[in-house]
Amino acid sequence: MKLCVYLAQAKVKWRLSIDYHQLPEKVKAKGGKTYRALMIDGEEFEFSGGFTDLHTRSYADILEGGGFGVDETGQAVGLVGEIRNG
């Protein structure tokens, strides 16, 4: 699935796939199964690692009284709506 969203200061292109064959060869060669990257002004910033326990860590933080407030959550929901309807 490919989506494009125009924000105030950015054009955001999203590509989402669960097809292993669409992973970059450099990721498959290392045995990787996921790929996350940002391209900013032609420079790639890959951040595929470190997501394995993200939900667990987030839930632990919430149980300790942390987490995200209404303002942050509202902004995230609004952005997801733009992406979905974009």
C-alpha atoms as a PDB file:
ATOM      1  CA  MET A   1       0.000   0.000   0.000  1.00  0.00           C
ATOM      2  CA  LYS A   2       1.350   3.435  -0.897  1.00  0.00           C
ATOM      3  CA  LEU A   3       0.049   6.707   0.510  1.00  0.00           C
ATOM      4  CA  CYS A   4       1.103  10.332   0.218  1.00  0.00           C
ATOM      5  CA  VAL A   5       0.223  13.064   2.726  1.00  0.00           C
ATOM      6  CA  TYR A   6       1.022  16.762   2.466  1.00  0.00           C
ATOM      7  CA  LEU A   7       1.738  18.430   5.802  1.00  0.00           C
ATOM      8  CA  ALA A   8       2.590  22.066   6.524  1.00  0.00           C
ATOM      9  CA  GLN A   9       6.310  21.601   5.907  1.00  0.00           C
ATOM     10  CA  ALA A  10       6.633  18.123   4.446  1.00  0.00           C
ATOM     11  CA  LYS A  11       5.393  15.740   1.805  1.00  0.00           C
ATOM     12  CA  VAL A  12       5.171  12.315   3.440  1.00  0.00           C
ATOM     13  CA  LYS A  13       5.117   9.170   1.319  1.00  0.00           C
ATOM     14  CA  TRP A  14       4.205   5.947   3.113  1.00  0.00           C
ATOM     15  CA  ARG A  15       4.781   2.455   1.824  1.00  0.00           C
ATOM     16  CA  LEU A  16       3.496  -0.467   3.845  1.00  0.00           C
ATOM     17  CA  SER A  17       3.885  -4.101   2.902  1.00  0.00           C
ATOM     18  CA  ILE A  18       3.961  -7.505   4.545  1.00  0.00           C
ATOM     19  CA  ASP A  19       5.576  -9.086   1.462  1.00  0.00           C
ATOM     20  CA  TYR A  20       9.104 -10.293   2.338  1.00  0.00           C
ATOM     21  CA  HIS A  21      10.105 -10.010  -1.330  1.00  0.00           C
ATOM     22  CA  GLN A  22       9.701  -6.213  -1.186  1.00  0.00           C
ATOM     23  CA  LEU A  23      12.430  -5.805   1.441  1.00  0.00           C
ATOM     24  CA  PRO A  24      15.663  -4.226   0.177  1.00  0.00           C
ATOM     25  CA  GLU A  25      18.283  -6.836  -0.740  1.00  0.00           C
ATOM     26  CA  LYS A  26      20.702  -5.387   1.829  1.00  0.00           C
ATOM     27  CA  VAL A  27      18.183  -6.197   4.585  1.00  0.00           C
ATOM     28  CA  LYS A  28      17.467  -9.731   3.354  1.00  0.00           C
ATOM     29  CA  ALA A  29      21.219 -10.431   3.013  1.00  0.00           C
ATOM     30  CA  LYS A  30      21.624  -9.770   6.748  1.00  0.00           C
ATOM     31  CA  GLY A  31      18.661 -12.003   7.626  1.00  0.00           C
ATOM     32  CA  GLY A  32      16.392  -9.039   8.385  1.00  0.00           C
ATOM     33  CA  LYS A  33      12.635  -9.335   8.249  1.00  0.00           C
ATOM     34  CA  THR A  34      11.648  -5.701   8.753  1.00  0.00           C
ATOM     35  CA  TYR A  35      12.738  -2.381   7.283  1.00  0.00           C
ATOM     36  CA  ARG A  36      11.937   1.116   8.507  1.00  0.00           C
ATOM     37  CA  ALA A  37      13.566   4.203   7.062  1.00  0.00           C
ATOM     38  CA  LEU A  38      13.088   7.919   6.511  1.00  0.00           C
ATOM     39  CA  MET A  39      14.396   9.770   3.485  1.00  0.00           C
ATOM     40  CA  ILE A  40      15.111  13.418   4.289  1.00  0.00           C
ATOM     41  CA  ASP A  41      16.546  15.629   1.548  1.00  0.00           C
ATOM     42  CA  GLY A  42      17.834  12.539  -0.261  1.00  0.00           C
ATOM     43  CA  GLU A  43      19.555  11.057   2.796  1.00  0.00           C
ATOM     44  CA  GLU A  44      18.294   7.759   4.222  1.00  0.00           C
ATOM     45  CA  PHE A  45      17.937   7.267   7.969  1.00  0.00           C
ATOM     46  CA  GLU A  46      17.245   3.624   8.763  1.00  0.00           C
ATOM     47  CA  PHE A  47      15.730   2.763  12.135  1.00  0.00           C
ATOM     48  CA  SER A  48      14.661  -0.870  11.725  1.00  0.00           C
ATOM     49  CA  GLY A  49      16.298  -2.052  14.932  1.00  0.00           C
ATOM     50  CA  GLY A  50      15.013  -1.536  18.451  1.00  0.00           C
ATOM     51  CA  PHE A  51      11.311  -2.141  17.847  1.00  0.00           C
ATOM     52  CA  THR A  52      11.036  -5.701  19.151  1.00  0.00           C
ATOM     53  CA  ASP A  53       9.981  -4.796  22.688  1.00  0.00           C
ATOM     54  CA  LEU A  54       8.548  -1.355  22.002  1.00  0.00           C
ATOM     55  CA  HIS A  55       4.949  -2.188  22.978  1.00  0.00           C
ATOM     56  CA  THR A  56       6.027  -4.021  26.122  1.00  0.00           C
ATOM     57  CA  ARG A  57       8.168  -1.074  27.219  1.00  0.00           C
ATOM     58  CA  SER A  58       5.373   1.375  26.427  1.00  0.00           C
ATOM     59  CA  TYR A  59       2.809  -0.594  28.475  1.00  0.00           C
ATOM     60  CA  ALA A  60       5.250  -0.866  31.397  1.00  0.00           C
ATOM     61  CA  ASP A  61       5.677   2.916  31.324  1.00  0.00           C
ATOM     62  CA  ILE A  62       1.890   3.420  31.342  1.00  0.00           C
ATOM     63  CA  LEU A  63       1.528   1.090  34.339  1.00  0.00           C
ATOM     64  CA  GLU A  64       4.151   3.179  36.146  1.00  0.00           C
ATOM     65  CA  GLY A  65       2.103   6.345  35.590  1.00  0.00           C
ATOM     66  CA  GLY A  66       3.813   7.515  32.400  1.00  0.00           C
ATOM     67  CA  GLY A  67       2.529   7.316  28.869  1.00  0.00           C
ATOM     68  CA  PHE A  68       1.125   9.879  26.507  1.00  0.00           C
ATOM     69  CA  GLY A  69      -1.332  12.632  27.346  1.00  0.00           C
ATOM     70  CA  VAL A  70      -4.483  13.726  25.557  1.00  0.00           C
ATOM     71  CA  ASP A  71      -2.661  16.354  23.480  1.00  0.00           C
ATOM     72  CA  GLU A  72      -0.136  13.908  22.026  1.00  0.00           C
ATOM     73  CA  THR A  73      -2.745  11.230  21.463  1.00  0.00           C
ATOM     74  CA  GLY A  74      -5.108  13.628  19.707  1.00  0.00           C
ATOM     75  CA  GLN A  75      -2.371  14.770  17.330  1.00  0.00           C
ATOM     76  CA  ALA A  76      -1.470  11.165  16.511  1.00  0.00           C
ATOM     77  CA  VAL A  77      -5.085  10.210  15.819  1.00  0.00           C
ATOM     78  CA  GLY A  78      -5.469  13.271  13.585  1.00  0.00           C
ATOM     79  CA  LEU A  79      -2.356  12.367  11.580  1.00  0.00           C
ATOM     80  CA  VAL A  80      -3.517   8.758  11.151  1.00  0.00           C
ATOM     81  CA  GLY A  81      -6.843  10.119   9.866  1.00  0.00           C
ATOM     82  CA  GLU A  82      -5.014  12.284   7.310  1.00  0.00           C
ATOM     83  CA  ILE A  83      -2.919   9.344   6.169  1.00  0.00           C
ATOM     84  CA  ARG A  84      -5.905   7.011   5.916  1.00  0.00           C
ATOM     85  CA  ASN A  85      -8.002   9.521   3.976  1.00  0.00           C
ATOM     86  CA  GLY A  86      -5.085  11.095   2.092  1.00  0.00           C
END
